[in-house]
Each structure stands twice: as structure tokens, then as C-alpha cells.
Amino acid sequence: SGPEPARPAFLPDDVLTISFGPLGAGVEGRPEPGLTLDVEPAAPARAEDGLAALCAGLAPRTLVLRVEAALTRPVVVLRAPGAPGRLMLALGEDAALTLIEVSVADAGLSSLLIEAELGPGARLTRLTLQDGGPGAIDLAHADVRAAQGASYAATGLAFGGRFARAETVVTMAGEGARCALN
């Protein structure tokens, strides 16, 4: 086991922070109204992709975030070395969530599987910073399904690591659904 992820100084104090460390997941802060969190047992990945299956297999549980409103503050996900994580995001009609994901491991394997269901008109913005050290192995897979009028926007910055792989699969399941990947 290794250290729990350190909170980067640039993050505001009043955001909900989810930390995936080698000892499991932790939550710091209070969810804003319209956001609920649950923990469910692990299940096979819904995507038929090798990286998704690997990330699902490494994570012992799924942290489920249900969003039923347009949230005003982001939710932050911190990942430490040796930390498998799995998130299920369920955004209801016209709900909105900004997810900030930070992985700054010096060494070791960290993985994250995100499975997101965006209801009609929902908006998910995902910002990712990956800055691994020379011994870090970072694996991430996002599987997003966008209903009618929903939008998914993702911006990722990757700066280092021994090996880093990030995959995103987006299914536009409804008319007028939008996606922007950067």
C-alpha cells in the first residue's frame, strides 16, 4: 500500500472530493443538493473493451454519483498510486456536473473506470490532469451514453508517466446529443 492522494493546492476548499487510494475510496466535503452518493459491489464493465474490463476487474466497488440538478460546484476525483477506482455517474434530466480528475502518481499502477448515463438535456464536463512520475502506470476508461439533447465535453492534459492510456467511448443515444473531446 502507498500514501493516500494529496489534495492539490489549486483546488477550492468547498468542493466535494473523492479520493481513490490503495486502501479504498474516501469522500471529503458535503454533497450539494441534487447530488447523492452510494457504493455498490463491483460488476463487469458494460463496455466490451479490454481496458474497461481491466479497470473494472481491479476495482472492488463502484462509487455511484446520482445528479438530479445543475450543480454549481465541481466534484473532484483524486487518484493515488496503487489505487483502482470506479465511478458510475447517473445524470437526470437537465442535470449538470463538472468532474475534475487529478492523477499525479510518482510510481505504481492506478486505474479508473467511469461509466456515465446522461439523461435528456444533461451536461457532463470532465477535466483531467495526469502527471505521472517515471514509474507511474495510469489507466483510464470512460464510457458515456448521452440521451436526447445531452452533452459531454472532455478536456485532458497528460504530462508523464512510464505508461499512460486513456480511452473514451461516447454513444450518442438521442437526437441532438453533443460531444466535444480535447
Protein backbone atom coordinates (compact mmCIF):
# COMPACT_ATOMS: atom_id res chain seq x y z
CA SER A 1 0.00 0.00 0.00
CA GLY A 2 1.04 3.56 -0.59
CA PRO A 3 0.02 7.01 0.52
CA GLU A 4 -3.44 8.44 0.04
CA PRO A 5 -3.61 11.09 -2.70
CA ALA A 6 -2.60 14.59 -1.64
CA ARG A 7 -5.06 17.38 -2.30
CA PRO A 8 -3.54 19.77 -4.85
CA ALA A 9 -3.26 23.35 -3.62
CA PHE A 10 -5.12 24.74 -6.65
CA LEU A 11 -8.42 23.08 -5.66
CA PRO A 12 -11.04 25.17 -3.84
CA ASP A 13 -11.83 24.14 -0.26
CA ASP A 14 -15.60 23.95 -0.74
CA VAL A 15 -15.76 21.18 -3.35
CA LEU A 16 -16.73 17.57 -2.80
CA THR A 17 -13.57 15.47 -3.16
CA ILE A 18 -13.46 11.75 -3.86
CA SER A 19 -10.09 10.13 -3.20
CA PHE A 20 -9.13 6.73 -4.54
CA GLY A 21 -6.17 5.38 -2.59
CA PRO A 22 -4.70 1.93 -2.08
CA LEU A 23 -6.93 1.41 0.97
CA GLY A 24 -10.14 2.30 -0.86
CA ALA A 25 -12.22 5.38 -1.59
CA GLY A 26 -12.83 8.33 0.69
CA VAL A 27 -15.15 11.32 0.42
CA GLU A 28 -14.40 14.76 1.83
CA GLY A 29 -16.91 17.61 1.91
CA ARG A 30 -20.68 17.77 1.73
CA PRO A 31 -22.60 16.95 -1.42
CA GLU A 32 -24.59 19.87 -2.68
CA PRO A 33 -28.38 19.46 -3.01
CA GLY A 34 -29.24 17.35 -6.04
CA LEU A 35 -26.23 15.01 -5.60
CA THR A 36 -26.32 11.66 -3.82
CA LEU A 37 -23.56 9.09 -3.39
CA ASP A 38 -23.87 5.32 -2.98
CA VAL A 39 -21.49 2.37 -3.03
CA GLU A 40 -22.33 -0.76 -4.99
CA PRO A 41 -20.48 -4.07 -5.41
CA ALA A 42 -18.27 -4.41 -8.46
CA ALA A 43 -19.81 -5.78 -11.65
CA PRO A 44 -18.44 -6.48 -15.12
CA ALA A 45 -17.84 -3.38 -17.24
CA ARG A 46 -20.71 -2.58 -19.56
CA ALA A 47 -18.28 -1.81 -22.41
CA GLU A 48 -16.81 -4.76 -24.30
CA ASP A 49 -13.37 -3.23 -24.29
CA GLY A 50 -10.18 -4.74 -22.87
CA LEU A 51 -9.14 -1.63 -20.93
CA ALA A 52 -12.65 -1.19 -19.48
CA ALA A 53 -12.68 -4.83 -18.37
CA LEU A 54 -9.23 -4.49 -16.78
CA CYS A 55 -10.20 -1.32 -14.89
CA ALA A 56 -13.47 -2.94 -13.74
CA GLY A 57 -11.62 -6.03 -12.57
CA LEU A 58 -9.18 -4.01 -10.48
CA ALA A 59 -11.89 -2.00 -8.67
CA PRO A 60 -13.54 -3.81 -5.75
CA ARG A 61 -16.54 -1.46 -5.63
CA THR A 62 -18.39 1.14 -7.68
CA LEU A 63 -18.99 4.62 -6.30
CA VAL A 64 -22.29 5.87 -7.75
CA LEU A 65 -23.00 9.59 -8.11
CA ARG A 66 -26.61 10.47 -8.91
CA VAL A 67 -27.13 14.04 -10.07
CA GLU A 68 -30.67 15.42 -10.28
CA ALA A 69 -29.89 19.16 -10.58
CA ALA A 70 -27.44 21.53 -12.22
CA LEU A 71 -24.62 21.54 -9.66
CA THR A 72 -22.81 24.84 -9.09
CA ARG A 73 -19.54 23.37 -7.74
CA PRO A 74 -17.34 20.71 -9.33
CA VAL A 75 -16.73 17.26 -7.92
CA VAL A 76 -13.03 16.40 -7.70
CA VAL A 77 -11.58 12.89 -8.09
CA LEU A 78 -8.04 12.34 -6.75
CA ARG A 79 -6.14 9.17 -7.68
CA ALA A 80 -3.08 7.80 -5.86
CA PRO A 81 -0.58 5.14 -6.94
CA GLY A 82 -1.88 1.63 -6.41
CA ALA A 83 -5.43 2.94 -6.49
CA PRO A 84 -8.15 1.31 -8.55
CA GLY A 85 -11.29 3.41 -8.89
CA ARG A 86 -14.67 3.06 -10.49
CA LEU A 87 -17.38 5.70 -10.84
CA MET A 88 -20.91 5.41 -12.16
CA LEU A 89 -22.39 8.80 -12.99
CA ALA A 90 -26.15 9.00 -13.44
CA LEU A 91 -27.28 12.46 -14.53
CA GLY A 92 -31.02 13.02 -14.63
CA GLU A 93 -32.92 15.26 -16.99
CA ASP A 94 -31.29 18.72 -17.34
CA ALA A 95 -28.75 17.89 -14.59
CA ALA A 96 -25.21 19.24 -14.87
CA LEU A 97 -21.90 18.10 -13.36
CA THR A 98 -18.30 19.23 -13.74
CA LEU A 99 -15.88 16.43 -12.82
CA ILE A 100 -12.23 17.31 -12.21
CA GLU A 101 -9.96 14.26 -12.20
CA VAL A 102 -6.37 14.53 -10.93
CA SER A 103 -3.79 11.72 -11.12
CA VAL A 104 -0.27 12.68 -10.04
CA ALA A 105 1.26 9.34 -9.02
CA ASP A 106 5.05 9.06 -8.86
CA ALA A 107 5.05 5.27 -9.30
CA GLY A 108 2.77 2.26 -9.31
CA LEU A 109 -0.46 1.39 -11.11
CA SER A 110 -3.60 3.48 -10.86
CA SER A 111 -6.78 2.85 -12.81
CA LEU A 112 -10.18 4.47 -13.19
CA LEU A 113 -13.32 3.34 -14.96
CA ILE A 114 -16.06 5.93 -15.44
CA GLU A 115 -19.46 4.83 -16.73
CA ALA A 116 -21.85 7.73 -17.32
CA GLU A 117 -25.52 7.86 -18.24
CA LEU A 118 -26.64 11.33 -19.31
CA GLY A 119 -30.39 11.86 -19.25
CA PRO A 120 -32.22 14.17 -21.66
CA GLY A 121 -30.65 17.63 -21.67
CA ALA A 122 -27.98 16.66 -19.09
CA ARG A 123 -24.48 18.16 -19.26
CA LEU A 124 -21.26 16.47 -18.12
CA THR A 125 -17.94 18.31 -18.28
CA ARG A 126 -14.83 16.25 -17.46
CA LEU A 127 -11.44 17.86 -16.92
CA THR A 128 -8.47 15.52 -16.49
CA LEU A 129 -4.92 16.19 -15.33
CA GLN A 130 -2.49 13.25 -15.49
CA ASP A 131 1.09 14.00 -14.43
CA GLY A 132 2.79 10.73 -13.55
CA GLY A 133 6.34 10.20 -12.43
CA PRO A 134 8.81 7.97 -14.31
CA GLY A 135 7.49 4.80 -12.60
CA ALA A 136 3.77 5.57 -12.85
CA ILE A 137 1.34 3.48 -14.88
CA ASP A 138 -2.00 5.21 -15.39
CA LEU A 139 -5.05 3.56 -16.98
CA ALA A 140 -8.40 5.27 -17.52
CA HIS A 141 -11.52 4.39 -19.48
CA ALA A 142 -14.70 6.45 -19.81
CA ASP A 143 -17.90 5.02 -21.29
CA VAL A 144 -20.52 7.75 -21.80
CA ARG A 145 -24.08 7.43 -23.11
CA ALA A 146 -25.84 10.67 -24.00
CA ALA A 147 -29.63 10.82 -24.36
CA GLN A 148 -31.58 13.35 -26.41
CA GLY A 149 -30.13 16.85 -26.11
CA ALA A 150 -27.43 15.77 -23.63
CA SER A 151 -23.84 16.96 -23.91
CA TYR A 152 -20.45 15.58 -22.91
CA ALA A 153 -17.32 17.72 -23.02
CA ALA A 154 -13.90 16.40 -22.00
CA THR A 155 -10.52 18.07 -21.84
CA GLY A 156 -7.47 16.05 -20.86
CA LEU A 157 -3.91 17.08 -20.10
CA ALA A 158 -1.32 14.29 -19.87
CA PHE A 159 2.28 15.09 -18.97
CA GLY A 160 4.14 11.96 -18.00
CA GLY A 161 4.47 8.51 -16.58
CA ARG A 162 6.07 5.25 -17.56
CA PHE A 163 2.86 4.28 -19.36
CA ALA A 164 -0.43 6.16 -19.61
CA ARG A 165 -3.52 5.20 -21.54
CA ALA A 166 -6.85 6.99 -21.57
CA GLU A 167 -9.79 5.81 -23.66
CA THR A 168 -13.17 7.41 -24.13
CA VAL A 169 -16.20 5.81 -25.78
CA VAL A 170 -19.25 8.02 -26.31
CA THR A 171 -22.60 6.73 -27.54
CA MET A 172 -24.93 9.40 -28.88
CA ALA A 173 -28.17 7.66 -27.97
CA GLY A 174 -30.58 10.52 -28.67
CA GLU A 175 -31.29 13.21 -31.21
CA GLY A 176 -29.39 16.44 -30.60
CA ALA A 177 -26.81 14.83 -28.27
CA ARG A 178 -23.41 16.55 -28.44
CA CYS A 179 -19.81 15.63 -27.66
CA ALA A 180 -16.52 17.58 -27.60
CA LEU A 181 -13.22 15.83 -26.85
CA ASN A 182 -9.99 17.81 -26.36
